[in-house]
Amino acid sequence: QLQLVESGGGLVQPGGSLRLSCAASGFSLENNAISWFRQAPGKEREWVAYIRSSGGVTRYADSVKDRFTISRDNDKNTVYLQMNILKPEDTADYYCAASRSSYLLIWMSQDAYAYWGQGTQVTVSS
């Protein structure tokens, strides 16, 4: 069964850091472009970060640029989202999503992704 499982969420104070992980089971992620999305309470799901299958190309939403870093370890079949300088507005459920393609031209579209995890909750609060 193809599955993505996120972990690493939790409660953190403003200015703190968290690292989210997205582990795949039932298939190899090495040929899949991956993105992280998030959905805050009462808001629509939004794209956060993208990484090509090779890891050589990354893209970020303006709201997280220079604070978040997406990376991948294809040997571990895992993608990461390092989140630094967290703000209360980063509070959301975070989802990883895998495309069937190794790269995407429209990486911000949810329709481009075939596989989704169940999400992990991140709360930034003092």
PDB file of N, CA and C in Angstrom:
ATOM      1  N   GLN A   1       0.842  -1.182   0.000  1.00  0.00           N
ATOM      2  CA  GLN A   1       0.000   0.000   0.000  1.00  0.00           C
ATOM      3  C   GLN A   1       0.888   1.247   0.000  1.00  0.00           C
ATOM      4  N   LEU A   2       0.602   2.168  -0.917  1.00  0.00           N
ATOM      5  CA  LEU A   2       1.383   3.382  -1.009  1.00  0.00           C
ATOM      6  C   LEU A   2       0.955   4.325   0.098  1.00  0.00           C
ATOM      7  N   GLN A   3       1.937   4.822   0.835  1.00  0.00           N
ATOM      8  CA  GLN A   3       1.602   5.655   1.977  1.00  0.00           C
ATOM      9  C   GLN A   3       2.683   6.681   2.245  1.00  0.00           C
ATOM     10  N   LEU A   4       2.261   7.880   2.627  1.00  0.00           N
ATOM     11  CA  LEU A   4       3.165   8.916   3.107  1.00  0.00           C
ATOM     12  C   LEU A   4       2.783   9.204   4.552  1.00  0.00           C
ATOM     13  N   VAL A   5       3.776   9.276   5.401  1.00  0.00           N
ATOM     14  CA  VAL A   5       3.516   9.521   6.818  1.00  0.00           C
ATOM     15  C   VAL A   5       4.373  10.677   7.292  1.00  0.00           C
ATOM     16  N   GLU A   6       3.702  11.732   7.755  1.00  0.00           N
ATOM     17  CA  GLU A   6       4.405  12.877   8.298  1.00  0.00           C
ATOM     18  C   GLU A   6       4.611  12.709   9.800  1.00  0.00           C
ATOM     19  N   SER A   7       5.673  13.310  10.293  1.00  0.00           N
ATOM     20  CA  SER A   7       5.932  13.327  11.729  1.00  0.00           C
ATOM     21  C   SER A   7       6.766  14.555  12.062  1.00  0.00           C
ATOM     22  N   GLY A   8       6.877  14.827  13.355  1.00  0.00           N
ATOM     23  CA  GLY A   8       7.729  15.921  13.797  1.00  0.00           C
ATOM     24  C   GLY A   8       6.995  17.176  14.227  1.00  0.00           C
ATOM     25  N   GLY A   9       5.687  17.183  14.074  1.00  0.00           N
ATOM     26  CA  GLY A   9       4.930  18.351  14.499  1.00  0.00           C
ATOM     27  C   GLY A   9       4.851  18.449  16.010  1.00  0.00           C
ATOM     28  N   GLY A  10       4.324  19.587  16.475  1.00  0.00           N
ATOM     29  CA  GLY A  10       4.184  19.774  17.906  1.00  0.00           C
ATOM     30  C   GLY A  10       3.973  21.226  18.245  1.00  0.00           C
ATOM     31  N   LEU A  11       4.131  21.520  19.529  1.00  0.00           N
ATOM     32  CA  LEU A  11       3.982  22.873  20.037  1.00  0.00           C
ATOM     33  C   LEU A  11       5.358  23.498  20.212  1.00  0.00           C
ATOM     34  N   VAL A  12       5.522  24.691  19.697  1.00  0.00           N
ATOM     35  CA  VAL A  12       6.807  25.384  19.795  1.00  0.00           C
ATOM     36  C   VAL A  12       6.549  26.863  20.031  1.00  0.00           C
ATOM     37  N   GLN A  13       7.465  27.507  20.727  1.00  0.00           N
ATOM     38  CA  GLN A  13       7.330  28.941  20.979  1.00  0.00           C
ATOM     39  C   GLN A  13       7.736  29.747  19.749  1.00  0.00           C
ATOM     40  N   PRO A  14       7.211  30.940  19.616  1.00  0.00           N
ATOM     41  CA  PRO A  14       7.661  31.798  18.507  1.00  0.00           C
ATOM     42  C   PRO A  14       9.179  31.958  18.526  1.00  0.00           C
ATOM     43  N   GLY A  15       9.755  31.892  17.339  1.00  0.00           N
ATOM     44  CA  GLY A  15      11.196  31.957  17.208  1.00  0.00           C
ATOM     45  C   GLY A  15      11.880  30.606  17.259  1.00  0.00           C
ATOM     46  N   GLY A  16      11.127  29.582  17.600  1.00  0.00           N
ATOM     47  CA  GLY A  16      11.694  28.246  17.706  1.00  0.00           C
ATOM     48  C   GLY A  16      11.776  27.520  16.375  1.00  0.00           C
ATOM     49  N   SER A  17      12.190  26.257  16.444  1.00  0.00           N
ATOM     50  CA  SER A  17      12.389  25.450  15.245  1.00  0.00           C
ATOM     51  C   SER A  17      11.734  24.084  15.399  1.00  0.00           C
ATOM     52  N   LEU A  18      11.372  23.521  14.267  1.00  0.00           N
ATOM     53  CA  LEU A  18      10.898  22.143  14.186  1.00  0.00           C
ATOM     54  C   LEU A  18      11.380  21.559  12.872  1.00  0.00           C
ATOM     55  N   ARG A  19      11.565  20.239  12.856  1.00  0.00           N
ATOM     56  CA  ARG A  19      11.846  19.560  11.603  1.00  0.00           C
ATOM     57  C   ARG A  19      10.783  18.506  11.360  1.00  0.00           C
ATOM     58  N   LEU A  20      10.083  18.666  10.263  1.00  0.00           N
ATOM     59  CA  LEU A  20       9.076  17.698   9.868  1.00  0.00           C
ATOM     60  C   LEU A  20       9.697  16.656   8.947  1.00  0.00           C
ATOM     61  N   SER A  21       9.207  15.440   9.053  1.00  0.00           N
ATOM     62  CA  SER A  21       9.646  14.362   8.180  1.00  0.00           C
ATOM     63  C   SER A  21       8.451  13.795   7.432  1.00  0.00           C
ATOM     64  N   CYS A  22       8.721  13.336   6.235  1.00  0.00           N
ATOM     65  CA  CYS A  22       7.703  12.682   5.408  1.00  0.00           C
ATOM     66  C   CYS A  22       8.325  11.389   4.895  1.00  0.00           C
ATOM     67  N   ALA A  23       7.881  10.289   5.436  1.00  0.00           N
ATOM     68  CA  ALA A  23       8.429   8.992   5.066  1.00  0.00           C
ATOM     69  C   ALA A  23       7.448   8.243   4.180  1.00  0.00           C
ATOM     70  N   ALA A  24       7.979   7.619   3.157  1.00  0.00           N
ATOM     71  CA  ALA A  24       7.146   6.860   2.230  1.00  0.00           C
ATOM     72  C   ALA A  24       7.271   5.370   2.505  1.00  0.00           C
ATOM     73  N   SER A  25       6.173   4.687   2.334  1.00  0.00           N
ATOM     74  CA  SER A  25       6.192   3.233   2.410  1.00  0.00           C
ATOM     75  C   SER A  25       5.392   2.688   1.241  1.00  0.00           C
ATOM     76  N   GLY A  26       5.815   1.542   0.752  1.00  0.00           N
ATOM     77  CA  GLY A  26       5.119   0.930  -0.368  1.00  0.00           C
ATOM     78  C   GLY A  26       5.595   1.404  -1.727  1.00  0.00           C
ATOM     79  N   PHE A  27       6.438   2.427  -1.748  1.00  0.00           N
ATOM     80  CA  PHE A  27       7.008   2.893  -3.002  1.00  0.00           C
ATOM     81  C   PHE A  27       8.234   3.735  -2.703  1.00  0.00           C
ATOM     82  N   SER A  28       9.061   3.908  -3.728  1.00  0.00           N
ATOM     83  CA  SER A  28      10.259   4.720  -3.586  1.00  0.00           C
ATOM     84  C   SER A  28       9.970   6.142  -4.014  1.00  0.00           C
ATOM     85  N   LEU A  29      10.462   7.087  -3.220  1.00  0.00           N
ATOM     86  CA  LEU A  29      10.254   8.499  -3.525  1.00  0.00           C
ATOM     87  C   LEU A  29      11.307   9.060  -4.477  1.00  0.00           C
ATOM     88  N   GLU A  30      12.294   8.281  -4.835  1.00  0.00           N
ATOM     89  CA  GLU A  30      13.461   8.850  -5.511  1.00  0.00           C
ATOM     90  C   GLU A  30      13.133   9.468  -6.863  1.00  0.00           C
ATOM     91  N   ASN A  31      12.024   9.070  -7.480  1.00  0.00           N
ATOM     92  CA  ASN A  31      11.657   9.618  -8.786  1.00  0.00           C
ATOM     93  C   ASN A  31      10.478  10.579  -8.722  1.00  0.00           C
ATOM     94  N   ASN A  32      10.142  11.020  -7.500  1.00  0.00           N
ATOM     95  CA  ASN A  32       8.961  11.849  -7.316  1.00  0.00           C
ATOM     96  C   ASN A  32       9.322  13.242  -6.824  1.00  0.00           C
ATOM     97  N   ALA A  33       8.744  14.229  -7.477  1.00  0.00           N
ATOM     98  CA  ALA A  33       8.809  15.572  -6.929  1.00  0.00           C
ATOM     99  C   ALA A  33       7.870  15.635  -5.714  1.00  0.00           C
ATOM    100  N   ILE A  34       8.284  16.366  -4.705  1.00  0.00           N
ATOM    101  CA  ILE A  34       7.559  16.419  -3.434  1.00  0.00           C
ATOM    102  C   ILE A  34       7.312  17.870  -3.040  1.00  0.00           C
ATOM    103  N   SER A  35       6.169  18.106  -2.447  1.00  0.00           N
ATOM    104  CA  SER A  35       5.902  19.407  -1.843  1.00  0.00           C
ATOM    105  C   SER A  35       5.334  19.240  -0.447  1.00  0.00           C
ATOM    106  N   TRP A  36       5.499  20.282   0.317  1.00  0.00           N
ATOM    107  CA  TRP A  36       4.805  20.430   1.587  1.00  0.00           C
ATOM    108  C   TRP A  36       3.709  21.482   1.395  1.00  0.00           C
ATOM    109  N   PHE A  37       2.557  21.182   1.948  1.00  0.00           N
ATOM    110  CA  PHE A  37       1.437  22.110   2.001  1.00  0.00           C
ATOM    111  C   PHE A  37       1.052  22.294   3.464  1.00  0.00           C
ATOM    112  N   ARG A  38       0.269  23.315   3.740  1.00  0.00           N
ATOM    113  CA  ARG A  38      -0.255  23.484   5.088  1.00  0.00           C
ATOM    114  C   ARG A  38      -1.659  24.048   5.035  1.00  0.00           C
ATOM    115  N   GLN A  39      -2.396  23.781   6.087  1.00  0.00           N
ATOM    116  CA  GLN A  39      -3.756  24.290   6.188  1.00  0.00           C
ATOM    117  C   GLN A  39      -3.985  24.781   7.602  1.00  0.00           C
ATOM    118  N   ALA A  40      -4.174  26.083   7.720  1.00  0.00           N
ATOM    119  CA  ALA A  40      -4.455  26.697   9.014  1.00  0.00           C
ATOM    120  C   ALA A  40      -5.954  26.601   9.309  1.00  0.00           C
ATOM    121  N   PRO A  41      -6.321  26.646  10.563  1.00  0.00           N
ATOM    122  CA  PRO A  41      -7.745  26.567  10.916  1.00  0.00           C
ATOM    123  C   PRO A  41      -8.568  27.626  10.191  1.00  0.00           C
ATOM    124  N   GLY A  42      -9.620  27.191   9.525  1.00  0.00           N
ATOM    125  CA  GLY A  42     -10.509  28.107   8.835  1.00  0.00           C
ATOM    126  C   GLY A  42      -9.985  28.646   7.523  1.00  0.00           C
ATOM    127  N   LYS A  43      -8.847  28.131   7.077  1.00  0.00           N
ATOM    128  CA  LYS A  43      -8.262  28.623   5.827  1.00  0.00           C
ATOM    129  C   LYS A  43      -8.091  27.489   4.830  1.00  0.00           C
ATOM    130  N   GLU A  44      -7.856  27.848   3.586  1.00  0.00           N
ATOM    131  CA  GLU A  44      -7.631  26.853   2.561  1.00  0.00           C
ATOM    132  C   GLU A  44      -6.193  26.325   2.661  1.00  0.00           C
ATOM    133  N   ARG A  45      -6.015  25.127   2.148  1.00  0.00           N
ATOM    134  CA  ARG A  45      -4.680  24.551   2.102  1.00  0.00           C
ATOM    135  C   ARG A  45      -3.814  25.364   1.149  1.00  0.00           C
ATOM    136  N   GLU A  46      -2.565  25.623   1.563  1.00  0.00           N
ATOM    137  CA  GLU A  46      -1.658  26.404   0.730  1.00  0.00           C
ATOM    138  C   GLU A  46      -0.327  25.668   0.570  1.00  0.00           C
ATOM    139  N   TRP A  47       0.281  25.921  -0.553  1.00  0.00           N
ATOM    140  CA  TRP A  47       1.581  25.328  -0.840  1.00  0.00           C
ATOM    141  C   TRP A  47       2.661  26.035  -0.049  1.00  0.00           C
ATOM    142  N   VAL A  48       3.674  25.279   0.411  1.00  0.00           N
ATOM    143  CA  VAL A  48       4.741  25.828   1.246  1.00  0.00           C
ATOM    144  C   VAL A  48       6.109  25.698   0.580  1.00  0.00           C
ATOM    145  N   ALA A  49       6.440  24.482   0.129  1.00  0.00           N
ATOM    146  CA  ALA A  49       7.782  24.257  -0.406  1.00  0.00           C
ATOM    147  C   ALA A  49       7.752  23.064  -1.355  1.00  0.00           C
ATOM    148  N   TYR A  50       8.710  23.080  -2.284  1.00  0.00           N
ATOM    149  CA  TYR A  50       8.788  22.051  -3.343  1.00  0.00           C
ATOM    150  C   TYR A  50      10.235  21.624  -3.516  1.00  0.00           C
ATOM    151  N   ILE A  51      10.399  20.328  -3.846  1.00  0.00           N
ATOM    152  CA  ILE A  51      11.726  19.835  -4.171  1.00  0.00           C
ATOM    153  C   ILE A  51      11.623  18.835  -5.314  1.00  0.00           C
ATOM    154  N   ARG A  52      12.507  18.973  -6.282  1.00  0.00           N
ATOM    155  CA  ARG A  52      12.559  18.050  -7.403  1.00  0.00           C
ATOM    156  C   ARG A  52      13.088  16.704  -6.927  1.00  0.00           C
ATOM    157  N   SER A  53      12.877  15.665  -7.717  1.00  0.00           N
ATOM    158  CA  SER A  53      13.274  14.315  -7.301  1.00  0.00           C
ATOM    159  C   SER A  53      14.761  14.225  -6.984  1.00  0.00           C
ATOM    160  N   SER A  54      15.569  14.919  -7.781  1.00  0.00           N
ATOM    161  CA  SER A  54      17.017  14.883  -7.570  1.00  0.00           C
ATOM    162  C   SER A  54      17.450  15.718  -6.369  1.00  0.00           C
ATOM    163  N   GLY A  55      16.561  16.585  -5.910  1.00  0.00           N
ATOM    164  CA  GLY A  55      16.911  17.486  -4.816  1.00  0.00           C
ATOM    165  C   GLY A  55      17.615  18.745  -5.274  1.00  0.00           C
ATOM    166  N   GLY A  56      17.887  18.831  -6.554  1.00  0.00           N
ATOM    167  CA  GLY A  56      18.661  19.955  -7.052  1.00  0.00           C
ATOM    168  C   GLY A  56      17.893  21.248  -7.231  1.00  0.00           C
ATOM    169  N   VAL A  57      16.584  21.186  -7.199  1.00  0.00           N
ATOM    170  CA  VAL A  57      15.759  22.382  -7.366  1.00  0.00           C
ATOM    171  C   VAL A  57      14.754  22.444  -6.224  1.00  0.00           C
ATOM    172  N   THR A  58      14.703  23.583  -5.583  1.00  0.00           N
ATOM    173  CA  THR A  58      13.727  23.812  -4.517  1.00  0.00           C
ATOM    174  C   THR A  58      13.033  25.153  -4.754  1.00  0.00           C
ATOM    175  N   ARG A  59      11.828  25.246  -4.252  1.00  0.00           N
ATOM    176  CA  ARG A  59      11.058  26.485  -4.340  1.00  0.00           C
ATOM    177  C   ARG A  59      10.302  26.682  -3.028  1.00  0.00           C
ATOM    178  N   TYR A  60      10.068  27.955  -2.681  1.00  0.00           N
ATOM    179  CA  TYR A  60       9.408  28.259  -1.419  1.00  0.00           C
ATOM    180  C   TYR A  60       8.353  29.340  -1.599  1.00  0.00           C
ATOM    181  N   ALA A  61       7.310  29.234  -0.809  1.00  0.00           N
ATOM    182  CA  ALA A  61       6.350  30.328  -0.735  1.00  0.00           C
ATOM    183  C   ALA A  61       7.037  31.534  -0.102  1.00  0.00           C
ATOM    184  N   ASP A  62       6.631  32.719  -0.509  1.00  0.00           N
ATOM    185  CA  ASP A  62       7.258  33.936   0.005  1.00  0.00           C
ATOM    186  C   ASP A  62       7.162  34.014   1.529  1.00  0.00           C
ATOM    187  N   SER A  63       6.081  33.488   2.081  1.00  0.00           N
ATOM    188  CA  SER A  63       5.850  33.591   3.523  1.00  0.00           C
ATOM    189  C   SER A  63       6.834  32.772   4.352  1.00  0.00           C
ATOM    190  N   VAL A  64       7.515  31.813   3.731  1.00  0.00           N
ATOM    191  CA  VAL A  64       8.440  30.959   4.487  1.00  0.00           C
ATOM    192  C   VAL A  64       9.872  31.041   3.975  1.00  0.00           C
ATOM    193  N   LYS A  65      10.070  31.767   2.895  1.00  0.00           N
ATOM    194  CA  LYS A  65      11.406  31.865   2.303  1.00  0.00           C
ATOM    195  C   LYS A  65      12.399  32.393   3.329  1.00  0.00           C
ATOM    196  N   ASP A  66      13.566  31.823   3.338  1.00  0.00           N
ATOM    197  CA  ASP A  66      14.666  32.174   4.240  1.00  0.00           C
ATOM    198  C   ASP A  66      14.442  31.689   5.675  1.00  0.00           C
ATOM    199  N   ARG A  67      13.319  31.037   5.939  1.00  0.00           N
ATOM    200  CA  ARG A  67      13.083  30.446   7.261  1.00  0.00           C
ATOM    201  C   ARG A  67      12.936  28.926   7.189  1.00  0.00           C
ATOM    202  N   PHE A  68      12.364  28.436   6.098  1.00  0.00           N
ATOM    203  CA  PHE A  68      12.136  27.002   5.944  1.00  0.00           C
ATOM    204  C   PHE A  68      13.099  26.448   4.895  1.00  0.00           C
ATOM    205  N   THR A  69      13.476  25.187   5.078  1.00  0.00           N
ATOM    206  CA  THR A  69      14.323  24.499   4.112  1.00  0.00           C
ATOM    207  C   THR A  69      13.770  23.108   3.861  1.00  0.00           C
ATOM    208  N   ILE A  70      13.522  22.806   2.599  1.00  0.00           N
ATOM    209  CA  ILE A  70      13.084  21.471   2.219  1.00  0.00           C
ATOM    210  C   ILE A  70      14.290  20.681   1.729  1.00  0.00           C
ATOM    211  N   SER A  71      14.358  19.424   2.103  1.00  0.00           N
ATOM    212  CA  SER A  71      15.461  18.565   1.680  1.00  0.00           C
ATOM    213  C   SER A  71      14.956  17.131   1.593  1.00  0.00           C
ATOM    214  N   ARG A  72      15.782  16.268   1.050  1.00  0.00           N
ATOM    215  CA  ARG A  72      15.377  14.883   0.910  1.00  0.00           C
ATOM    216  C   ARG A  72      16.566  13.965   1.042  1.00  0.00           C
ATOM    217  N   ASP A  73      16.302  12.773   1.537  1.00  0.00           N
ATOM    218  CA  ASP A  73      17.303  11.720   1.613  1.00  0.00           C
ATOM    219  C   ASP A  73      16.674  10.515   0.919  1.00  0.00           C
ATOM    220  N   ASN A  74      17.008  10.341  -0.333  1.00  0.00           N
ATOM    221  CA  ASN A  74      16.365   9.274  -1.095  1.00  0.00           C
ATOM    222  C   ASN A  74      16.772   7.889  -0.593  1.00  0.00           C
ATOM    223  N   ASP A  75      17.926   7.798   0.024  1.00  0.00           N
ATOM    224  CA  ASP A  75      18.325   6.505   0.605  1.00  0.00           C
ATOM    225  C   ASP A  75      17.406   6.115   1.757  1.00  0.00           C
ATOM    226  N   LYS A  76      16.921   7.124   2.462  1.00  0.00           N
ATOM    227  CA  LYS A  76      16.002   6.876   3.580  1.00  0.00           C
ATOM    228  C   LYS A  76      14.550   7.000   3.159  1.00  0.00           C
ATOM    229  N   ASN A  77      14.350   7.325   1.876  1.00  0.00           N
ATOM    230  CA  ASN A  77      12.981   7.453   1.361  1.00  0.00           C
ATOM    231  C   ASN A  77      12.178   8.480   2.150  1.00  0.00           C
ATOM    232  N   THR A  78      12.829   9.580   2.488  1.00  0.00           N
ATOM    233  CA  THR A  78      12.237  10.576   3.375  1.00  0.00           C
ATOM    234  C   THR A  78      12.525  11.989   2.861  1.00  0.00           C
ATOM    235  N   VAL A  79      11.549  12.849   3.044  1.00  0.00           N
ATOM    236  CA  VAL A  79      11.690  14.267   2.744  1.00  0.00           C
ATOM    237  C   VAL A  79      11.498  15.034   4.041  1.00  0.00           C
ATOM    238  N   TYR A  80      12.219  16.135   4.177  1.00  0.00           N
ATOM    239  CA  TYR A  80      12.196  16.903   5.408  1.00  0.00           C
ATOM    240  C   TYR A  80      11.771  18.346   5.146  1.00  0.00           C
ATOM    241  N   LEU A  81      11.261  18.960   6.176  1.00  0.00           N
ATOM    242  CA  LEU A  81      11.011  20.393   6.154  1.00  0.00           C
ATOM    243  C   LEU A  81      11.557  20.963   7.456  1.00  0.00           C
ATOM    244  N   GLN A  82      12.685  21.640   7.355  1.00  0.00           N
ATOM    245  CA  GLN A  82      13.272  22.306   8.510  1.00  0.00           C
ATOM    246  C   GLN A  82      12.641  23.686   8.628  1.00  0.00           C
ATOM    247  N   MET A  83      12.040  23.954   9.760  1.00  0.00           N
ATOM    248  CA  MET A  83      11.326  25.215   9.959  1.00  0.00           C
ATOM    249  C   MET A  83      11.997  25.988  11.092  1.00  0.00           C
ATOM    250  N   ASN A  84      12.522  27.139  10.773  1.00  0.00           N
ATOM    251  CA  ASN A  84      13.197  27.989  11.746  1.00  0.00           C
ATOM    252  C   ASN A  84      12.448  29.303  11.897  1.00  0.00           C
ATOM    253  N   ILE A  85      12.757  30.002  12.967  1.00  0.00           N
ATOM    254  CA  ILE A  85      12.162  31.313  13.249  1.00  0.00           C
ATOM    255  C   ILE A  85      10.648  31.224  13.077  1.00  0.00           C
ATOM    256  N   LEU A  86      10.059  30.259  13.718  1.00  0.00           N
ATOM    257  CA  LEU A  86       8.632  30.024  13.559  1.00  0.00           C
ATOM    258  C   LEU A  86       7.807  31.174  14.136  1.00  0.00           C
ATOM    259  N   LYS A  87       6.699  31.434  13.473  1.00  0.00           N
ATOM    260  CA  LYS A  87       5.795  32.517  13.848  1.00  0.00           C
ATOM    261  C   LYS A  87       4.407  31.938  14.142  1.00  0.00           C
ATOM    262  N   PRO A  88       3.611  32.634  14.917  1.00  0.00           N
ATOM    263  CA  PRO A  88       2.248  32.136  15.182  1.00  0.00           C
ATOM    264  C   PRO A  88       1.462  31.863  13.906  1.00  0.00           C
ATOM    265  N   GLU A  89       1.722  32.629  12.871  1.00  0.00           N
ATOM    266  CA  GLU A  89       1.003  32.420  11.613  1.00  0.00           C
ATOM    267  C   GLU A  89       1.443  31.170  10.864  1.00  0.00           C
ATOM    268  N   ASP A  90       2.475  30.501  11.346  1.00  0.00           N
ATOM    269  CA  ASP A  90       2.866  29.210  10.778  1.00  0.00           C
ATOM    270  C   ASP A  90       2.038  28.062  11.354  1.00  0.00           C
ATOM    271  N   THR A  91       1.217  28.355  12.340  1.00  0.00           N
ATOM    272  CA  THR A  91       0.368  27.327  12.932  1.00  0.00           C
ATOM    273  C   THR A  91      -0.569  26.739  11.891  1.00  0.00           C
ATOM    274  N   ALA A  92      -0.509  25.424  11.725  1.00  0.00           N
ATOM    275  CA  ALA A  92      -1.302  24.747  10.695  1.00  0.00           C
ATOM    276  C   ALA A  92      -1.061  23.244  10.775  1.00  0.00           C
ATOM    277  N   ASP A  93      -1.887  22.519  10.049  1.00  0.00           N
ATOM    278  CA  ASP A  93      -1.593  21.120   9.766  1.00  0.00           C
ATOM    279  C   ASP A  93      -0.725  21.093   8.512  1.00  0.00           C
ATOM    280  N   TYR A  94       0.374  20.359   8.588  1.00  0.00           N
ATOM    281  CA  TYR A  94       1.318  20.298   7.479  1.00  0.00           C
ATOM    282  C   TYR A  94       1.217  18.932   6.804  1.00  0.00           C
ATOM    283  N   TYR A  95       1.161  18.969   5.473  1.00  0.00           N
ATOM    284  CA  TYR A  95       0.999  17.767   4.672  1.00  0.00           C
ATOM    285  C   TYR A  95       2.128  17.661   3.652  1.00  0.00           C
ATOM    286  N   CYS A  96       2.645  16.455   3.460  1.00  0.00           N
ATOM    287  CA  CYS A  96       3.535  16.248   2.328  1.00  0.00           C
ATOM    288  C   CYS A  96       2.730  15.595   1.201  1.00  0.00           C
ATOM    289  N   ALA A  97       3.165  15.869  -0.003  1.00  0.00           N
ATOM    290  CA  ALA A  97       2.472  15.352  -1.183  1.00  0.00           C
ATOM    291  C   ALA A  97       3.506  14.969  -2.222  1.00  0.00           C
ATOM    292  N   ALA A  98       3.274  13.852  -2.889  1.00  0.00           N
ATOM    293  CA  ALA A  98       4.189  13.353  -3.894  1.00  0.00           C
ATOM    294  C   ALA A  98       3.526  13.356  -5.262  1.00  0.00           C
ATOM    295  N   SER A  99       4.268  13.854  -6.222  1.00  0.00           N
ATOM    296  CA  SER A  99       3.814  13.809  -7.607  1.00  0.00           C
ATOM    297  C   SER A  99       4.251  12.497  -8.246  1.00  0.00           C
ATOM    298  N   ARG A 100       3.625  12.123  -9.326  1.00  0.00           N
ATOM    299  CA  ARG A 100       4.100  10.969 -10.091  1.00  0.00           C
ATOM    300  C   ARG A 100       5.273  11.355 -10.993  1.00  0.00           C
ATOM    301  N   SER A 101       5.560  12.616 -11.102  1.00  0.00           N
ATOM    302  CA  SER A 101       6.630  13.105 -11.965  1.00  0.00           C
ATOM    303  C   SER A 101       7.861  13.456 -11.147  1.00  0.00           C
ATOM    304  N   SER A 102       9.002  13.479 -11.825  1.00  0.00           N
ATOM    305  CA  SER A 102      10.258  13.819 -11.146  1.00  0.00           C
ATOM    306  C   SER A 102      10.415  15.320 -10.967  1.00  0.00           C
ATOM    307  N   TYR A 103       9.692  16.088 -11.781  1.00  0.00           N
ATOM    308  CA  TYR A 103       9.697  17.526 -11.607  1.00  0.00           C
ATOM    309  C   TYR A 103       8.369  18.087 -12.085  1.00  0.00           C
ATOM    310  N   LEU A 104       8.054  19.265 -11.640  1.00  0.00           N
ATOM    311  CA  LEU A 104       6.803  19.910 -11.994  1.00  0.00           C
ATOM    312  C   LEU A 104       7.066  21.333 -12.440  1.00  0.00           C
ATOM    313  N   LEU A 105       6.222  21.803 -13.348  1.00  0.00           N
ATOM    314  CA  LEU A 105       6.289  23.195 -13.775  1.00  0.00           C
ATOM    315  C   LEU A 105       5.328  24.046 -12.948  1.00  0.00           C
ATOM    316  N   ILE A 106       4.256  23.440 -12.489  1.00  0.00           N
ATOM    317  CA  ILE A 106       3.285  24.154 -11.659  1.00  0.00           C
ATOM    318  C   ILE A 106       3.234  23.443 -10.317  1.00  0.00           C
ATOM    319  N   TRP A 107       4.253  23.678  -9.510  1.00  0.00           N
ATOM    320  CA  TRP A 107       4.410  22.937  -8.273  1.00  0.00           C
ATOM    321  C   TRP A 107       3.451  23.376  -7.171  1.00  0.00           C
ATOM    322  N   MET A 108       2.817  24.534  -7.348  1.00  0.00           N
ATOM    323  CA  MET A 108       1.938  25.048  -6.305  1.00  0.00           C
ATOM    324  C   MET A 108       0.527  24.447  -6.361  1.00  0.00           C
ATOM    325  N   SER A 109       0.214  23.742  -7.437  1.00  0.00           N
ATOM    326  CA  SER A 109      -1.134  23.212  -7.605  1.00  0.00           C
ATOM    327  C   SER A 109      -1.301  21.874  -6.906  1.00  0.00           C
ATOM    328  N   GLN A 110      -2.321  21.775  -6.078  1.00  0.00           N
ATOM    329  CA  GLN A 110      -2.581  20.514  -5.376  1.00  0.00           C
ATOM    330  C   GLN A 110      -2.923  19.401  -6.357  1.00  0.00           C
ATOM    331  N   ASP A 111      -3.481  19.764  -7.491  1.00  0.00           N
ATOM    332  CA  ASP A 111      -3.867  18.765  -8.491  1.00  0.00           C
ATOM    333  C   ASP A 111      -2.665  18.042  -9.086  1.00  0.00           C
ATOM    334  N   ALA A 112      -1.479  18.585  -8.903  1.00  0.00           N
ATOM    335  CA  ALA A 112      -0.278  17.970  -9.469  1.00  0.00           C
ATOM    336  C   ALA A 112       0.223  16.788  -8.655  1.00  0.00           C
ATOM    337  N   TYR A 113      -0.369  16.557  -7.502  1.00  0.00           N
ATOM    338  CA  TYR A 113       0.146  15.556  -6.563  1.00  0.00           C
ATOM    339  C   TYR A 113      -0.832  14.399  -6.421  1.00  0.00           C
ATOM    340  N   ALA A 114      -0.284  13.191  -6.525  1.00  0.00           N
ATOM    341  CA  ALA A 114      -1.125  11.993  -6.508  1.00  0.00           C
ATOM    342  C   ALA A 114      -1.229  11.366  -5.128  1.00  0.00           C
ATOM    343  N   TYR A 115      -0.221  11.595  -4.298  1.00  0.00           N
ATOM    344  CA  TYR A 115      -0.172  10.932  -2.998  1.00  0.00           C
ATOM    345  C   TYR A 115      -0.045  11.974  -1.893  1.00  0.00           C
ATOM    346  N   TRP A 116      -0.803  11.774  -0.832  1.00  0.00           N
ATOM    347  CA  TRP A 116      -0.825  12.712   0.284  1.00  0.00           C
ATOM    348  C   TRP A 116      -0.694  11.958   1.612  1.00  0.00           C
ATOM    349  N   GLY A 117      -0.023  12.612   2.540  1.00  0.00           N
ATOM    350  CA  GLY A 117       0.014  12.090   3.890  1.00  0.00           C
ATOM    351  C   GLY A 117      -1.189  12.554   4.679  1.00  0.00           C
ATOM    352  N   GLN A 118      -1.236  12.120   5.923  1.00  0.00           N
ATOM    353  CA  GLN A 118      -2.382  12.428   6.770  1.00  0.00           C
ATOM    354  C   GLN A 118      -2.218  13.751   7.520  1.00  0.00           C
ATOM    355  N   GLY A 119      -1.021  14.286   7.504  1.00  0.00           N
ATOM    356  CA  GLY A 119      -0.762  15.573   8.131  1.00  0.00           C
ATOM    357  C   GLY A 119      -0.184  15.473   9.522  1.00  0.00           C
ATOM    358  N   THR A 120       0.544  16.499   9.897  1.00  0.00           N
ATOM    359  CA  THR A 120       1.071  16.623  11.252  1.00  0.00           C
ATOM    360  C   THR A 120       0.822  18.062  11.703  1.00  0.00           C
ATOM    361  N   GLN A 121       0.422  18.206  12.954  1.00  0.00           N
ATOM    362  CA  GLN A 121       0.006  19.516  13.444  1.00  0.00           C
ATOM    363  C   GLN A 121       1.186  20.291  14.013  1.00  0.00           C
ATOM    364  N   VAL A 122       1.277  21.540  13.629  1.00  0.00           N
ATOM    365  CA  VAL A 122       2.286  22.448  14.149  1.00  0.00           C
ATOM    366  C   VAL A 122       1.571  23.633  14.798  1.00  0.00           C
ATOM    367  N   THR A 123       1.894  23.879  16.048  1.00  0.00           N
ATOM    368  CA  THR A 123       1.315  25.005  16.771  1.00  0.00           C
ATOM    369  C   THR A 123       2.442  25.885  17.289  1.00  0.00           C
ATOM    370  N   VAL A 124       2.398  27.145  16.911  1.00  0.00           N
ATOM    371  CA  VAL A 124       3.403  28.103  17.350  1.00  0.00           C
ATOM    372  C   VAL A 124       2.718  29.090  18.294  1.00  0.00           C
ATOM    373  N   SER A 125       3.068  28.983  19.551  1.00  0.00           N
ATOM    374  CA  SER A 125       2.390  29.801  20.565  1.00  0.00           C
ATOM    375  C   SER A 125       3.251  29.907  21.801  1.00  0.00           C
ATOM    376  N   SER A 126       3.140  31.050  22.467  1.00  0.00           N
ATOM    377  CA  SER A 126       3.851  31.223  23.736  1.00  0.00           C
ATOM    378  C   SER A 126       2.951  30.846  24.907  1.00  0.00           C
TER     379      SER A 126
END
